[in-house]
Amino acid sequence: MNLGTFATFLATLIFGILTTYFIVTSNLDKAITDKINDPNVIRKIAEHIRVPFLIFDENETYVVDGGAANFIKNINVIKEKRTITKIILILTKKLPVAPILISLNNDVQFFQPTPVKESEWEYRTLQISHGWADSYKEKPPPKLFKFEILDLKYLEK
């Protein structure tokens, strides 16, 4: 084999390898892009990575269930003179890490939660009340709270 033939063979081989590489990566990139944009795939992924949550109001009514209602036996909102003093979450199972509880549309803040019984967490409140600023004729909207379970190992049991 002379040098010219070898150079042609080598150039053809390199061209073939590069062409195959670019075709494969292009098809792979398209397949991944198609999967990422598929709503069914996104929904399946979200089911596995979403943190379960529940939004409830001061009357203990569930407003939005983001998958956490199955893990709650009861919610007790304790009031003294129409002021929330604590919220007790009673769960279906013992949870070693306290769920997060935050206020959404009000000034209620919580101290560090404390375990009460095996499957109960108590959240004492620190009230910073500014009152209802709108018309005294209107009833203020219910206070909303969001509960989130962070210990995902708890959900697998």
C-alpha atoms as a PDB file:
ATOM      1  CA  MET A   1       0.000   0.000   0.000  1.00  0.00           C
ATOM      2  CA  ASN A   2       1.499   3.300  -1.005  1.00  0.00           C
ATOM      3  CA  LEU A   3       1.364   6.507   1.008  1.00  0.00           C
ATOM      4  CA  GLY A   4      -1.423   8.089  -1.076  1.00  0.00           C
ATOM      5  CA  THR A   5      -3.718   5.097  -0.641  1.00  0.00           C
ATOM      6  CA  PHE A   6      -2.989   4.925   3.086  1.00  0.00           C
ATOM      7  CA  ALA A   7      -3.718   8.657   3.516  1.00  0.00           C
ATOM      8  CA  THR A   8      -7.002   8.275   1.611  1.00  0.00           C
ATOM      9  CA  PHE A   9      -7.949   5.245   3.725  1.00  0.00           C
ATOM     10  CA  LEU A  10      -7.075   7.100   6.950  1.00  0.00           C
ATOM     11  CA  ALA A  11      -9.008  10.224   5.916  1.00  0.00           C
ATOM     12  CA  THR A  12     -12.044   8.103   4.957  1.00  0.00           C
ATOM     13  CA  LEU A  13     -11.863   6.226   8.265  1.00  0.00           C
ATOM     14  CA  ILE A  14     -11.633   9.429  10.316  1.00  0.00           C
ATOM     15  CA  PHE A  15     -14.458  10.998   8.289  1.00  0.00           C
ATOM     16  CA  GLY A  16     -16.619   7.899   8.850  1.00  0.00           C
ATOM     17  CA  ILE A  17     -15.948   7.862  12.602  1.00  0.00           C
ATOM     18  CA  LEU A  18     -16.691  11.581  12.966  1.00  0.00           C
ATOM     19  CA  THR A  19     -19.841  11.329  10.847  1.00  0.00           C
ATOM     20  CA  THR A  20     -21.092   8.389  12.911  1.00  0.00           C
ATOM     21  CA  TYR A  21     -20.270  10.250  16.137  1.00  0.00           C
ATOM     22  CA  PHE A  22     -22.160  13.393  15.097  1.00  0.00           C
ATOM     23  CA  ILE A  23     -25.187  11.423  13.858  1.00  0.00           C
ATOM     24  CA  VAL A  24     -25.383   9.400  17.083  1.00  0.00           C
ATOM     25  CA  THR A  25     -24.975  12.439  19.359  1.00  0.00           C
ATOM     26  CA  SER A  26     -27.495  14.423  17.324  1.00  0.00           C
ATOM     27  CA  ASN A  27     -30.087  11.639  17.593  1.00  0.00           C
ATOM     28  CA  LEU A  28     -29.350  11.157  21.266  1.00  0.00           C
ATOM     29  CA  ASP A  29     -29.669  14.891  21.919  1.00  0.00           C
ATOM     30  CA  LYS A  30     -33.020  14.945  20.082  1.00  0.00           C
ATOM     31  CA  ALA A  31     -34.294  11.930  22.038  1.00  0.00           C
ATOM     32  CA  ILE A  32     -33.319  13.527  25.366  1.00  0.00           C
ATOM     33  CA  THR A  33     -34.905  16.848  24.381  1.00  0.00           C
ATOM     34  CA  ASP A  34     -38.112  15.054  23.372  1.00  0.00           C
ATOM     35  CA  LYS A  35     -38.246  13.238  26.736  1.00  0.00           C
ATOM     36  CA  ILE A  36     -37.528  16.387  28.741  1.00  0.00           C
ATOM     37  CA  ASN A  37     -40.386  18.188  27.012  1.00  0.00           C
ATOM     38  CA  ASP A  38     -42.855  15.302  27.428  1.00  0.00           C
ATOM     39  CA  PRO A  39     -45.410  16.253  30.143  1.00  0.00           C
ATOM     40  CA  ASN A  40     -45.851  12.610  31.186  1.00  0.00           C
ATOM     41  CA  VAL A  41     -42.140  12.242  31.891  1.00  0.00           C
ATOM     42  CA  ILE A  42     -42.083  15.532  33.840  1.00  0.00           C
ATOM     43  CA  ARG A  43     -45.094  14.381  35.901  1.00  0.00           C
ATOM     44  CA  LYS A  44     -43.378  11.066  36.740  1.00  0.00           C
ATOM     45  CA  ILE A  45     -40.190  12.852  37.806  1.00  0.00           C
ATOM     46  CA  ALA A  46     -42.131  15.371  39.906  1.00  0.00           C
ATOM     47  CA  GLU A  47     -43.890  12.553  41.770  1.00  0.00           C
ATOM     48  CA  HIS A  48     -40.513  11.280  42.936  1.00  0.00           C
ATOM     49  CA  ILE A  49     -38.848  14.557  43.874  1.00  0.00           C
ATOM     50  CA  ARG A  50     -41.754  16.607  45.213  1.00  0.00           C
ATOM     51  CA  VAL A  51     -41.851  17.294  48.939  1.00  0.00           C
ATOM     52  CA  PRO A  52     -45.345  16.424  50.218  1.00  0.00           C
ATOM     53  CA  PHE A  53     -47.192  19.437  51.598  1.00  0.00           C
ATOM     54  CA  LEU A  54     -50.580  20.485  52.898  1.00  0.00           C
ATOM     55  CA  ILE A  55     -52.054  23.970  53.081  1.00  0.00           C
ATOM     56  CA  PHE A  56     -54.691  24.391  55.772  1.00  0.00           C
ATOM     57  CA  ASP A  57     -56.444  27.297  57.424  1.00  0.00           C
ATOM     58  CA  GLU A  58     -56.941  28.361  61.030  1.00  0.00           C
ATOM     59  CA  ASN A  59     -60.234  26.430  61.105  1.00  0.00           C
ATOM     60  CA  GLU A  60     -58.285  23.199  60.444  1.00  0.00           C
ATOM     61  CA  THR A  61     -59.731  22.913  56.930  1.00  0.00           C
ATOM     62  CA  TYR A  62     -57.531  21.445  54.222  1.00  0.00           C
ATOM     63  CA  VAL A  63     -57.201  23.977  51.404  1.00  0.00           C
ATOM     64  CA  VAL A  64     -54.625  22.287  49.132  1.00  0.00           C
ATOM     65  CA  ASP A  65     -53.302  18.751  49.485  1.00  0.00           C
ATOM     66  CA  GLY A  66     -49.925  18.246  47.861  1.00  0.00           C
ATOM     67  CA  GLY A  67     -49.641  14.635  49.021  1.00  0.00           C
ATOM     68  CA  ALA A  68     -49.221  15.138  52.776  1.00  0.00           C
ATOM     69  CA  ALA A  69     -52.844  14.623  53.895  1.00  0.00           C
ATOM     70  CA  ASN A  70     -52.316  10.848  53.964  1.00  0.00           C
ATOM     71  CA  PHE A  71     -49.718  11.311  56.695  1.00  0.00           C
ATOM     72  CA  ILE A  72     -51.867  13.450  59.013  1.00  0.00           C
ATOM     73  CA  LYS A  73     -54.359  12.110  61.534  1.00  0.00           C
ATOM     74  CA  ASN A  74     -55.408  15.483  62.826  1.00  0.00           C
ATOM     75  CA  ILE A  75     -54.490  19.159  63.034  1.00  0.00           C
ATOM     76  CA  ASN A  76     -55.383  21.090  66.187  1.00  0.00           C
ATOM     77  CA  VAL A  77     -55.244  24.875  66.034  1.00  0.00           C
ATOM     78  CA  ILE A  78     -55.362  26.155  69.630  1.00  0.00           C
ATOM     79  CA  LYS A  79     -56.629  29.713  70.164  1.00  0.00           C
ATOM     80  CA  GLU A  80     -56.902  31.965  73.184  1.00  0.00           C
ATOM     81  CA  LYS A  81     -59.074  35.050  72.707  1.00  0.00           C
ATOM     82  CA  ARG A  82     -59.123  34.523  68.902  1.00  0.00           C
ATOM     83  CA  THR A  83     -55.299  34.453  68.854  1.00  0.00           C
ATOM     84  CA  ILE A  84     -53.537  31.281  67.721  1.00  0.00           C
ATOM     85  CA  THR A  85     -51.235  30.131  70.503  1.00  0.00           C
ATOM     86  CA  LYS A  86     -50.128  26.776  69.096  1.00  0.00           C
ATOM     87  CA  ILE A  87     -50.729  24.237  66.382  1.00  0.00           C
ATOM     88  CA  ILE A  88     -50.446  20.527  67.025  1.00  0.00           C
ATOM     89  CA  LEU A  89     -49.858  18.164  64.103  1.00  0.00           C
ATOM     90  CA  ILE A  90     -50.802  14.544  64.776  1.00  0.00           C
ATOM     91  CA  LEU A  91     -49.199  12.275  62.189  1.00  0.00           C
ATOM     92  CA  THR A  92     -50.013   8.715  61.173  1.00  0.00           C
ATOM     93  CA  LYS A  93     -46.446   7.568  61.957  1.00  0.00           C
ATOM     94  CA  LYS A  94     -43.567   8.659  64.136  1.00  0.00           C
ATOM     95  CA  LEU A  95     -41.390  11.173  62.364  1.00  0.00           C
ATOM     96  CA  PRO A  96     -37.834  11.709  63.682  1.00  0.00           C
ATOM     97  CA  VAL A  97     -37.471  15.103  61.975  1.00  0.00           C
ATOM     98  CA  ALA A  98     -40.034  17.827  62.594  1.00  0.00           C
ATOM     99  CA  PRO A  99     -42.122  18.785  59.590  1.00  0.00           C
ATOM    100  CA  ILE A 100     -41.843  22.376  58.460  1.00  0.00           C
ATOM    101  CA  LEU A 101     -44.795  24.591  59.328  1.00  0.00           C
ATOM    102  CA  ILE A 102     -44.935  28.106  57.951  1.00  0.00           C
ATOM    103  CA  SER A 103     -47.589  30.798  57.847  1.00  0.00           C
ATOM    104  CA  LEU A 104     -48.533  31.928  54.369  1.00  0.00           C
ATOM    105  CA  ASN A 105     -50.734  35.017  54.635  1.00  0.00           C
ATOM    106  CA  ASN A 106     -50.296  36.204  58.208  1.00  0.00           C
ATOM    107  CA  ASP A 107     -47.776  37.292  60.824  1.00  0.00           C
ATOM    108  CA  VAL A 108     -47.770  34.120  62.913  1.00  0.00           C
ATOM    109  CA  GLN A 109     -44.278  32.851  63.582  1.00  0.00           C
ATOM    110  CA  PHE A 110     -43.362  29.578  65.234  1.00  0.00           C
ATOM    111  CA  PHE A 111     -40.837  28.632  67.880  1.00  0.00           C
ATOM    112  CA  GLN A 112     -38.804  25.457  67.429  1.00  0.00           C
ATOM    113  CA  PRO A 113     -41.288  22.567  67.204  1.00  0.00           C
ATOM    114  CA  THR A 114     -41.287  20.056  70.031  1.00  0.00           C
ATOM    115  CA  PRO A 115     -42.352  16.421  69.927  1.00  0.00           C
ATOM    116  CA  VAL A 116     -45.325  15.867  72.238  1.00  0.00           C
ATOM    117  CA  LYS A 117     -46.045  12.171  71.849  1.00  0.00           C
ATOM    118  CA  GLU A 118     -44.705   9.544  69.521  1.00  0.00           C
ATOM    119  CA  SER A 119     -46.386  10.952  66.410  1.00  0.00           C
ATOM    120  CA  GLU A 120     -47.265  14.513  67.486  1.00  0.00           C
ATOM    121  CA  TRP A 121     -45.447  17.787  66.986  1.00  0.00           C
ATOM    122  CA  GLU A 122     -46.334  21.012  68.777  1.00  0.00           C
ATOM    123  CA  TYR A 123     -45.636  24.412  67.245  1.00  0.00           C
ATOM    124  CA  ARG A 124     -45.982  27.256  69.744  1.00  0.00           C
ATOM    125  CA  THR A 125     -46.573  30.627  68.156  1.00  0.00           C
ATOM    126  CA  LEU A 126     -45.016  34.009  68.508  1.00  0.00           C
ATOM    127  CA  GLN A 127     -47.691  36.501  67.479  1.00  0.00           C
ATOM    128  CA  ILE A 128     -46.700  39.688  65.737  1.00  0.00           C
ATOM    129  CA  SER A 129     -50.152  41.025  65.177  1.00  0.00           C
ATOM    130  CA  HIS A 130     -50.792  44.045  63.049  1.00  0.00           C
ATOM    131  CA  GLY A 131     -54.524  43.423  62.949  1.00  0.00           C
ATOM    132  CA  TRP A 132     -56.824  43.450  59.980  1.00  0.00           C
ATOM    133  CA  ALA A 133     -56.072  46.641  58.082  1.00  0.00           C
ATOM    134  CA  ASP A 134     -59.030  46.589  55.717  1.00  0.00           C
ATOM    135  CA  SER A 135     -62.578  47.637  56.391  1.00  0.00           C
ATOM    136  CA  TYR A 136     -63.954  46.689  59.796  1.00  0.00           C
ATOM    137  CA  LYS A 137     -67.132  45.670  58.014  1.00  0.00           C
ATOM    138  CA  GLU A 138     -65.353  42.845  56.240  1.00  0.00           C
ATOM    139  CA  LYS A 139     -64.293  39.675  57.967  1.00  0.00           C
ATOM    140  CA  PRO A 140     -60.543  39.030  57.615  1.00  0.00           C
ATOM    141  CA  PRO A 141     -59.543  36.088  55.424  1.00  0.00           C
ATOM    142  CA  PRO A 142     -58.666  32.871  57.240  1.00  0.00           C
ATOM    143  CA  LYS A 143     -55.026  32.460  58.176  1.00  0.00           C
ATOM    144  CA  LEU A 144     -53.285  29.892  55.983  1.00  0.00           C
ATOM    145  CA  PHE A 145     -50.447  27.564  56.960  1.00  0.00           C
ATOM    146  CA  LYS A 146     -48.253  25.194  54.971  1.00  0.00           C
ATOM    147  CA  PHE A 147     -47.025  21.894  56.381  1.00  0.00           C
ATOM    148  CA  GLU A 148     -44.176  20.030  54.603  1.00  0.00           C
ATOM    149  CA  ILE A 149     -42.633  16.632  55.281  1.00  0.00           C
ATOM    150  CA  LEU A 150     -38.898  16.687  54.660  1.00  0.00           C
ATOM    151  CA  ASP A 151     -37.921  13.211  55.853  1.00  0.00           C
ATOM    152  CA  LEU A 152     -38.574  11.287  52.640  1.00  0.00           C
ATOM    153  CA  LYS A 153     -37.514   8.004  54.279  1.00  0.00           C
ATOM    154  CA  TYR A 154     -40.672   8.410  56.366  1.00  0.00           C
ATOM    155  CA  LEU A 155     -42.785   8.250  53.226  1.00  0.00           C
ATOM    156  CA  GLU A 156     -41.262   4.961  52.043  1.00  0.00           C
ATOM    157  CA  LYS A 157     -42.315   2.996  55.117  1.00  0.00           C
END
